[in-house]
Every structure is written in C-alpha cells, then in structure tokens.
Amino acid sequence: MIAGMNGIFGTLAVILVFGGLIFFHELGHFLAARMLGMGVKTFSLGFGPALFSFRGAKTVYQIAAVPLGGFVSLVGETNSADIPEGFSEKESFALRPAAQRFFVIALGPAFNLILAWIVCWGLIFSNGRSFIPPVVGAILEDSPAASSPLRAGDRILSLDGVSVRRWLDMPPLVNRAKDRDMVVSVRRSDGTTLVFSLTPALLKRQTGEGKTVETWGMGITASGESEHEEYGPLSSAREGLLEAVRMVAYTWDSLLDIITNRVSFDNVGGPVLIAKTIYKQVDYGAASVLMLAALISVNLGILNLLPIPVLDGGQMLFLLAEMLTRRRVPEKLQEKAMLAGLAALLCLIAAATFNDITR
C-alpha cells in the first residue's frame, strides 16, 4: 500500500515539476510580451492537440497532448503580416524594435533562474539550513597542514582575515592564495585561539567520475559534524540568492566539462533520467523534490541561453546582431540556422535518451 502511494506521489511530482518549470518559463515570455503591449494568440503547456483550452480576452490558454515543452504564440512572431482578427499592427512582435523582442525572449530563461531563487528562498526561510562547519577532522600526511600547528578538532575562524563560517567558504580562499602564505586563525576545543601562517600546495583528489585532478589545498578533511541555522525573511532571501548562484556556477562548470570532454558524454542524461531522479527524490520529502526542481530550473534556463538558433539563446544572438548592425539577419539565413539547430538539438536529445535507456 505504501509502495503504491509512493508511486502515485512520485508520478505526480514528475508531472508537477516538469509542468511547473515549463509554465514558469513560458510565463516569462508571456508577461514580457503583455508588459510591452504585444498580442499573444496562444499560451500552451505542451505540444500537439489541445486536451483542455479556454479563451481569455484575446488569448487562448491550453494544455496540449504532448507534455514535452510548451510555447507562447505571439502576434506577428514569424510574419509581420500575420495579424489575426481582434489584434492590431501595433501588437505585432515582428514590428517592434530589436531591444523589445530581445527582452521578451530573454525573460523566459530569466524566469527559470528567478524561480530557482524563489524556491531556495522559501526552503531556507521555512526549514533553515544544515551545513558542514569548518572543523578539522583529519590531517593528510605530507601536506601543508601536517607541518603546521593545525590538529584535529580545530575550528578555522578566518583565512587571510576573511571570516569562515562553513567548510565550503574555504576552497575559494585557498585557491585565491595558491602558493602564497596564508594567515590562519583557529579556535581549539579548549577555547584558546591560535594564529599562524600556512602555504597551500597542489594536492591530487579523485572526482566523482574517477578522474584525478589537482587543486590548491591545505591537506585537511572535514570532521563530519553538521550544524543548523535558522534565517529570517531577508537573510533567507540573501542565502537563497547565493544558493541559486551556486547552482548556476555548478551547471555552467558541468556544461563546460562536457563540451571540453573532461566528463564523458556517457554521463549526460535526458528527460528519462530527470523524471527518474524526481521520482526517487519523493522518498526524501517535499523539500528534496523542490530543491531538485530549483536545480533543474537553473539547467533549463542555462541550456535555453545557449547560442543554438532553435533555442532562446540563438534568437537572442540574431537580435544582438540586428542591434549592432541595425539590419535584420536575412530570413533565409535564420531559417537554415533554425533547421540546423533543430537537427543538432534532436540529435542531442536522442543521444541523452539513449544514455538513459542503456544506463
């Protein structure tokens, strides 16, 4: 009975996460268009035949049969002469300045990033945060820390005068110092404070993909302790923004690893893997599902900004060229680029789905 309920909740979570992220993305395009007085013919969740629809003042709102995406159909989006009954020329997307069209397209991916911030904000405000404190667990042999006064149980207070509250605060400071002497301030378990110098070194570590990389480090490991902190409305907004920024950085770094072949494409997943991950995350509670949804939203926003013509980023690239040259990119060139971009995107989706099936 419990397994059956988990299956229902898991399926529902997949539908809500996919539908919610697509809705928010398209809502960005829709609100930007309406803010600028552009006409919207259709706001659709999904593609293909409409399963449910209703007409607002001028716009048709619908849920379509194929739930892999959605779209906002603007007046004059592909043809300036396409002015349906009930709309006027001044509502045409194609007849607007390039900067306005750029804003409408950009607000879709932007809304995905904003959504990630809102979700992180809400979760941190309602649940607080657990984090790993900067307490030394073990000291590696033949490392800078081994020849320093550092010992297990020390809590690192600051590096080069910069306050350290969490374990994750330290790597950026150590990487910035590289092989330069750092001033380290620690508090011992007996309450005494100690200040000394330490020079980081290039240390080897294993990545999740089994590769060996070199990073600047002191040669210490975390104690394994965990601490919890509550946040108010404003502090949780700031922490939520920082968390969303970390998600953006992580997504971008992961994308670069794939492009530069530092990570094998075999590790790339598609819709099947995403759905499976959401489904499994239900076992860990609603907060885990929402945090995963925030990360997927960031991925969706970043991927849509890639300069592939069929994506928002490709259209934005055409509009940037138009703003710089004051001439529109020829329609035939745009059409050919869109077809090439669509073919590349379909191949990418097919390859990722193949990975999902064979994994």
Protein backbone atom coordinates (compact mmCIF):
# COMPACT_ATOMS: atom_id res chain seq x y z
CA MET A 1 0.00 0.00 0.00
CA ILE A 2 2.81 2.42 0.99
CA ALA A 3 4.83 1.49 -2.11
CA GLY A 4 1.75 2.16 -4.24
CA MET A 5 1.22 5.59 -2.65
CA ASN A 6 4.91 6.46 -3.17
CA GLY A 7 4.49 5.53 -6.83
CA ILE A 8 1.49 7.86 -7.15
CA PHE A 9 3.30 10.70 -5.38
CA GLY A 10 6.40 10.10 -7.49
CA THR A 11 4.44 10.25 -10.75
CA LEU A 12 2.61 13.35 -9.53
CA ALA A 13 5.92 15.00 -8.60
CA VAL A 14 7.33 14.35 -12.10
CA ILE A 15 4.25 15.90 -13.73
CA LEU A 16 4.20 18.91 -11.39
CA VAL A 17 7.93 19.63 -11.69
CA PHE A 18 8.03 19.35 -15.49
CA GLY A 19 4.75 21.24 -15.90
CA GLY A 20 5.68 23.89 -13.35
CA LEU A 21 9.09 24.64 -14.86
CA ILE A 22 7.69 24.84 -18.40
CA PHE A 23 4.82 27.03 -17.20
CA PHE A 24 7.17 29.45 -15.43
CA HIS A 25 9.47 29.67 -18.47
CA GLU A 26 6.60 30.45 -20.83
CA LEU A 27 5.11 32.82 -18.25
CA GLY A 28 8.29 34.91 -18.56
CA HIS A 29 7.78 35.28 -22.31
CA PHE A 30 4.05 35.94 -21.84
CA LEU A 31 4.42 38.65 -19.16
CA ALA A 32 7.21 40.40 -21.08
CA ALA A 33 5.06 40.49 -24.22
CA ARG A 34 1.99 41.77 -22.39
CA MET A 35 4.09 44.33 -20.48
CA LEU A 36 5.18 45.79 -23.83
CA GLY A 37 1.67 45.64 -25.29
CA MET A 38 2.35 42.78 -27.72
CA GLY A 39 -0.50 40.46 -28.66
CA VAL A 40 -0.47 36.82 -27.53
CA LYS A 41 -2.53 34.36 -29.59
CA THR A 42 -1.87 31.18 -27.58
CA PHE A 43 -0.33 30.21 -24.26
CA SER A 44 0.22 26.43 -24.35
CA LEU A 45 1.61 23.86 -21.96
CA GLY A 46 2.66 21.00 -24.22
CA PHE A 47 2.51 20.49 -27.98
CA GLY A 48 0.02 18.87 -30.32
CA PRO A 49 -3.78 18.65 -29.98
CA ALA A 50 -5.32 20.62 -27.11
CA LEU A 51 -6.74 18.48 -24.30
CA PHE A 52 -8.20 21.49 -22.50
CA SER A 53 -8.48 25.13 -23.51
CA PHE A 54 -10.33 28.36 -22.84
CA ARG A 55 -10.22 31.85 -24.32
CA GLY A 56 -9.40 34.94 -22.31
CA ALA A 57 -9.90 38.46 -23.63
CA LYS A 58 -7.83 37.66 -26.73
CA THR A 59 -5.53 34.77 -25.80
CA VAL A 60 -6.28 31.05 -25.95
CA TYR A 61 -4.88 29.17 -22.93
CA GLN A 62 -4.44 25.42 -23.41
CA ILE A 63 -2.95 22.16 -22.15
CA ALA A 64 -1.82 20.03 -25.08
CA ALA A 65 -1.33 16.28 -25.50
CA VAL A 66 2.49 16.10 -25.67
CA PRO A 67 3.85 17.44 -22.34
CA LEU A 68 7.49 17.83 -23.50
CA GLY A 69 7.59 21.63 -23.59
CA GLY A 70 5.25 24.50 -24.26
CA PHE A 71 5.01 27.72 -26.22
CA VAL A 72 3.67 31.26 -26.35
CA SER A 73 2.43 32.20 -29.81
CA LEU A 74 2.83 35.95 -30.38
CA VAL A 75 1.08 38.08 -32.97
CA GLY A 76 3.42 38.59 -35.94
CA GLU A 77 6.07 36.35 -34.38
CA THR A 78 7.23 34.86 -37.69
CA ASN A 79 5.42 37.11 -40.16
CA SER A 80 4.72 40.79 -39.61
CA ALA A 81 1.63 40.45 -41.82
CA ASP A 82 0.13 37.83 -39.52
CA ILE A 83 -2.40 39.98 -37.67
CA PRO A 84 -5.36 37.80 -36.59
CA GLU A 85 -8.82 39.24 -36.14
CA GLY A 86 -9.11 41.18 -32.89
CA PHE A 87 -5.45 42.27 -32.90
CA SER A 88 -3.81 45.38 -34.38
CA GLU A 89 -0.47 46.03 -36.12
CA LYS A 90 0.92 47.79 -33.06
CA GLU A 91 0.61 44.47 -31.18
CA SER A 92 2.87 42.67 -33.68
CA PHE A 93 6.07 41.19 -32.25
CA ALA A 94 7.87 41.44 -35.61
CA LEU A 95 7.23 45.18 -35.93
CA ARG A 96 8.75 46.02 -32.56
CA PRO A 97 12.36 47.25 -32.05
CA ALA A 98 15.01 44.57 -31.62
CA ALA A 99 15.59 45.53 -27.98
CA GLN A 100 11.93 44.83 -27.11
CA ARG A 101 11.97 41.48 -28.92
CA PHE A 102 15.22 40.60 -27.13
CA PHE A 103 13.58 41.37 -23.76
CA VAL A 104 10.59 39.13 -24.50
CA ILE A 105 12.82 36.19 -25.44
CA ALA A 106 15.31 36.70 -22.60
CA LEU A 107 12.67 36.78 -19.89
CA GLY A 108 11.84 33.07 -20.38
CA PRO A 109 15.27 31.77 -19.25
CA ALA A 110 15.46 34.62 -16.71
CA PHE A 111 12.24 33.40 -15.10
CA ASN A 112 13.76 29.92 -14.68
CA LEU A 113 16.67 31.45 -12.78
CA ILE A 114 14.31 33.63 -10.73
CA LEU A 115 12.20 30.57 -9.90
CA ALA A 116 15.29 28.76 -8.58
CA TRP A 117 15.97 31.73 -6.29
CA ILE A 118 12.36 31.83 -5.05
CA VAL A 119 12.37 28.09 -4.29
CA CYS A 120 15.71 28.30 -2.45
CA TRP A 121 14.49 31.37 -0.56
CA GLY A 122 11.29 29.61 0.55
CA LEU A 123 13.06 26.42 1.61
CA ILE A 124 15.74 28.24 3.61
CA PHE A 125 13.17 30.50 5.28
CA SER A 126 10.89 27.61 6.26
CA ASN A 127 13.49 24.95 7.12
CA GLY A 128 16.72 26.79 7.87
CA ARG A 129 19.95 25.22 6.67
CA SER A 130 22.24 22.46 7.79
CA PHE A 131 25.88 22.96 6.87
CA ILE A 132 29.32 21.50 7.49
CA PRO A 133 31.28 23.73 9.88
CA PRO A 134 34.99 24.47 9.26
CA VAL A 135 36.15 21.97 11.88
CA VAL A 136 39.22 19.87 11.08
CA GLY A 137 38.59 16.13 11.08
CA ALA A 138 41.86 14.65 9.86
CA ILE A 139 45.17 15.96 8.56
CA LEU A 140 46.67 14.32 5.47
CA GLU A 141 50.24 13.12 5.53
CA ASP A 142 52.87 15.10 3.59
CA SER A 143 50.53 18.09 3.30
CA PRO A 144 50.95 21.74 4.30
CA ALA A 145 48.69 21.15 7.32
CA ALA A 146 50.88 18.28 8.54
CA SER A 147 53.81 20.65 9.10
CA SER A 148 51.62 23.36 10.67
CA PRO A 149 50.13 23.75 14.18
CA LEU A 150 46.73 22.54 12.87
CA ARG A 151 45.26 19.49 14.55
CA ALA A 152 42.01 17.53 14.58
CA GLY A 153 39.17 19.35 16.33
CA ASP A 154 40.43 22.87 15.47
CA ARG A 155 37.74 25.22 14.18
CA ILE A 156 39.03 27.55 11.45
CA LEU A 157 37.83 31.09 12.17
CA SER A 158 39.40 33.00 9.27
CA LEU A 159 41.80 32.75 6.33
CA ASP A 160 43.80 35.88 5.47
CA GLY A 161 41.44 37.90 7.64
CA VAL A 162 38.30 36.67 5.84
CA SER A 163 35.80 35.15 8.28
CA VAL A 164 34.97 31.47 7.66
CA ARG A 165 31.62 30.09 8.82
CA ARG A 166 31.27 26.98 6.67
CA TRP A 167 33.58 24.38 5.22
CA LEU A 168 32.59 25.45 1.69
CA ASP A 169 33.79 29.01 2.42
CA MET A 170 37.41 27.82 2.43
CA PRO A 171 38.20 26.37 -1.05
CA PRO A 172 37.76 29.72 -2.91
CA LEU A 173 40.05 31.47 -0.41
CA VAL A 174 42.70 28.75 -0.64
CA ASN A 175 42.53 28.74 -4.47
CA ARG A 176 42.93 32.51 -4.48
CA ALA A 177 46.06 32.30 -2.29
CA LYS A 178 47.61 29.42 -4.30
CA ASP A 179 51.23 29.02 -3.12
CA ARG A 180 51.25 32.26 -1.10
CA ASP A 181 51.45 32.22 2.70
CA MET A 182 48.00 32.42 4.31
CA VAL A 183 47.27 33.73 7.80
CA VAL A 184 45.14 31.07 9.52
CA SER A 185 43.17 31.75 12.69
CA VAL A 186 41.76 28.76 14.59
CA ARG A 187 40.00 28.09 17.87
CA ARG A 188 40.98 25.00 19.82
CA SER A 189 38.46 22.77 21.61
CA ASP A 190 39.65 24.26 24.93
CA GLY A 191 38.68 27.75 23.74
CA THR A 192 42.17 29.08 23.05
CA THR A 193 42.83 30.93 19.78
CA LEU A 194 45.88 30.36 17.61
CA VAL A 195 47.13 32.38 14.61
CA PHE A 196 49.82 31.09 12.26
CA SER A 197 50.92 31.02 8.59
CA LEU A 198 50.34 28.15 6.16
CA THR A 199 51.25 27.81 2.49
CA PRO A 200 48.76 25.80 0.33
CA ALA A 201 50.05 23.19 -2.12
CA LEU A 202 48.72 21.48 -5.21
CA LEU A 203 47.03 18.33 -3.97
CA LYS A 204 45.53 15.49 -6.00
CA ARG A 205 41.94 14.35 -5.47
CA GLN A 206 39.50 11.99 -7.16
CA THR A 207 36.36 13.35 -8.85
CA GLY A 208 33.01 11.60 -8.90
CA GLU A 209 33.84 10.38 -12.42
CA GLY A 210 37.01 8.67 -11.17
CA LYS A 211 39.38 11.25 -12.66
CA THR A 212 42.33 12.70 -10.76
CA VAL A 213 42.51 16.49 -10.59
CA GLU A 214 44.91 18.87 -8.85
CA THR A 215 43.60 21.66 -6.63
CA TRP A 216 45.19 24.02 -4.14
CA GLY A 217 44.62 22.80 -0.60
CA MET A 218 45.83 22.68 2.98
CA GLY A 219 45.53 18.91 3.35
CA ILE A 220 42.67 18.66 5.80
CA THR A 221 39.31 16.86 5.84
CA ALA A 222 36.05 17.87 7.48
CA SER A 223 35.14 16.45 10.88
CA GLY A 224 31.78 15.15 9.70
CA GLU A 225 29.89 17.40 12.11
CA SER A 226 26.77 19.22 11.00
CA GLU A 227 25.25 22.47 12.29
CA HIS A 228 21.83 24.05 11.73
CA GLU A 229 20.91 27.70 11.35
CA GLU A 230 17.56 29.49 11.08
CA TYR A 231 17.03 32.54 8.83
CA GLY A 232 14.60 35.47 8.74
CA PRO A 233 12.82 36.72 5.59
CA LEU A 234 15.65 38.99 4.39
CA SER A 235 18.60 36.78 5.37
CA SER A 236 16.91 33.77 3.75
CA ALA A 237 16.43 35.81 0.56
CA ARG A 238 20.17 36.53 0.50
CA GLU A 239 21.07 32.91 1.26
CA GLY A 240 18.57 31.73 -1.37
CA LEU A 241 20.20 34.00 -3.95
CA LEU A 242 23.67 32.68 -3.06
CA GLU A 243 22.40 29.11 -3.37
CA ALA A 244 20.85 29.86 -6.78
CA VAL A 245 24.14 31.45 -7.91
CA ARG A 246 25.99 28.32 -6.78
CA MET A 247 23.57 26.24 -8.85
CA VAL A 248 24.27 28.43 -11.89
CA ALA A 249 28.04 28.06 -11.39
CA TYR A 250 27.72 24.28 -10.93
CA THR A 251 25.56 23.94 -14.06
CA TRP A 252 27.92 26.09 -16.12
CA ASP A 253 31.00 24.19 -14.92
CA SER A 254 29.30 20.86 -15.69
CA LEU A 255 28.40 22.08 -19.18
CA LEU A 256 32.00 23.18 -19.82
CA ASP A 257 33.27 19.79 -18.59
CA ILE A 258 31.07 18.06 -21.18
CA ILE A 259 32.00 20.46 -24.01
CA THR A 260 35.73 20.12 -23.28
CA ASN A 261 35.36 16.33 -22.81
CA ARG A 262 36.64 16.44 -19.22
CA VAL A 263 33.47 14.48 -18.45
CA SER A 264 32.32 11.74 -20.81
CA PHE A 265 29.06 12.33 -22.69
CA ASP A 266 28.00 8.92 -21.38
CA ASN A 267 27.23 10.69 -18.09
CA VAL A 268 24.72 13.05 -19.76
CA GLY A 269 21.07 12.27 -19.07
CA GLY A 270 17.86 13.31 -20.75
CA PRO A 271 14.18 13.54 -19.81
CA VAL A 272 14.04 9.90 -18.70
CA LEU A 273 16.87 10.32 -16.18
CA ILE A 274 15.42 13.61 -14.93
CA ALA A 275 12.00 12.03 -14.43
CA LYS A 276 13.55 9.03 -12.67
CA THR A 277 15.55 11.29 -10.34
CA ILE A 278 12.48 13.35 -9.44
CA TYR A 279 10.50 10.14 -8.87
CA LYS A 280 13.12 8.78 -6.46
CA GLN A 281 13.53 12.12 -4.66
CA VAL A 282 9.98 11.82 -3.31
CA ASP A 283 11.30 9.29 -0.76
CA TYR A 284 13.30 12.11 0.87
CA GLY A 285 10.38 14.53 1.22
CA ALA A 286 8.91 17.59 -0.46
CA ALA A 287 11.90 19.81 0.38
CA SER A 288 14.25 17.50 -1.55
CA VAL A 289 11.91 17.49 -4.56
CA LEU A 290 11.70 21.30 -4.51
CA MET A 291 15.48 21.72 -4.24
CA LEU A 292 15.93 19.35 -7.19
CA ALA A 293 13.29 21.32 -9.10
CA ALA A 294 15.29 24.51 -8.46
CA LEU A 295 18.44 22.87 -9.90
CA ILE A 296 16.53 21.59 -12.95
CA SER A 297 15.08 25.09 -13.44
CA VAL A 298 18.61 26.53 -13.48
CA ASN A 299 19.65 23.86 -16.01
CA LEU A 300 16.66 24.73 -18.19
CA GLY A 301 17.47 28.44 -18.02
CA ILE A 302 21.17 27.98 -18.84
CA LEU A 303 20.55 25.50 -21.67
CA ASN A 304 17.97 27.83 -23.24
CA LEU A 305 20.61 30.58 -23.31
CA LEU A 306 22.97 28.51 -25.46
CA PRO A 307 23.50 30.13 -28.89
CA ILE A 308 21.67 27.36 -30.76
CA PRO A 309 19.21 29.00 -33.21
CA VAL A 310 16.19 26.91 -32.23
CA LEU A 311 16.67 27.90 -28.55
CA ASP A 312 16.08 31.30 -26.94
CA GLY A 313 19.84 31.94 -26.93
CA GLY A 314 20.04 31.53 -30.70
CA GLN A 315 17.21 34.02 -31.28
CA MET A 316 18.86 36.44 -28.86
CA LEU A 317 22.08 36.11 -30.87
CA PHE A 318 20.24 37.12 -34.06
CA LEU A 319 18.72 40.11 -32.26
CA LEU A 320 22.10 41.19 -30.88
CA ALA A 321 23.45 41.12 -34.43
CA GLU A 322 20.48 43.21 -35.53
CA MET A 323 21.04 45.76 -32.77
CA LEU A 324 24.74 46.05 -33.65
CA THR A 325 24.34 46.26 -37.45
CA ARG A 326 20.88 47.93 -37.45
CA ARG A 327 19.86 45.31 -40.02
CA ARG A 328 17.82 42.18 -39.58
CA VAL A 329 19.53 38.87 -40.20
CA PRO A 330 18.11 37.62 -43.54
CA GLU A 331 15.09 35.34 -43.03
CA LYS A 332 16.53 32.59 -45.25
CA LEU A 333 19.71 32.51 -43.17
CA GLN A 334 17.64 32.36 -39.98
CA GLU A 335 15.52 29.51 -41.38
CA LYS A 336 18.58 27.47 -42.37
CA ALA A 337 20.20 28.10 -38.98
CA MET A 338 16.97 27.11 -37.20
CA LEU A 339 16.80 23.83 -39.14
CA ALA A 340 20.45 23.07 -38.36
CA GLY A 341 19.90 23.98 -34.70
CA LEU A 342 16.78 21.81 -34.52
CA ALA A 343 18.64 18.86 -36.04
CA ALA A 344 21.52 19.29 -33.58
CA LEU A 345 19.11 19.58 -30.63
CA LEU A 346 17.16 16.48 -31.67
CA CYS A 347 20.42 14.52 -32.01
CA LEU A 348 21.47 15.68 -28.55
CA ILE A 349 18.13 14.68 -27.03
CA ALA A 350 18.26 11.31 -28.81
CA ALA A 351 21.80 10.65 -27.57
CA ALA A 352 20.89 11.63 -24.00
CA THR A 353 17.77 9.45 -24.11
CA PHE A 354 19.88 6.54 -25.45
CA ASN A 355 22.15 7.02 -22.41
CA ASP A 356 19.09 6.92 -20.16
CA ILE A 357 17.83 3.67 -21.68
CA THR A 358 21.18 1.88 -21.71
CA ARG A 359 22.30 3.16 -18.28
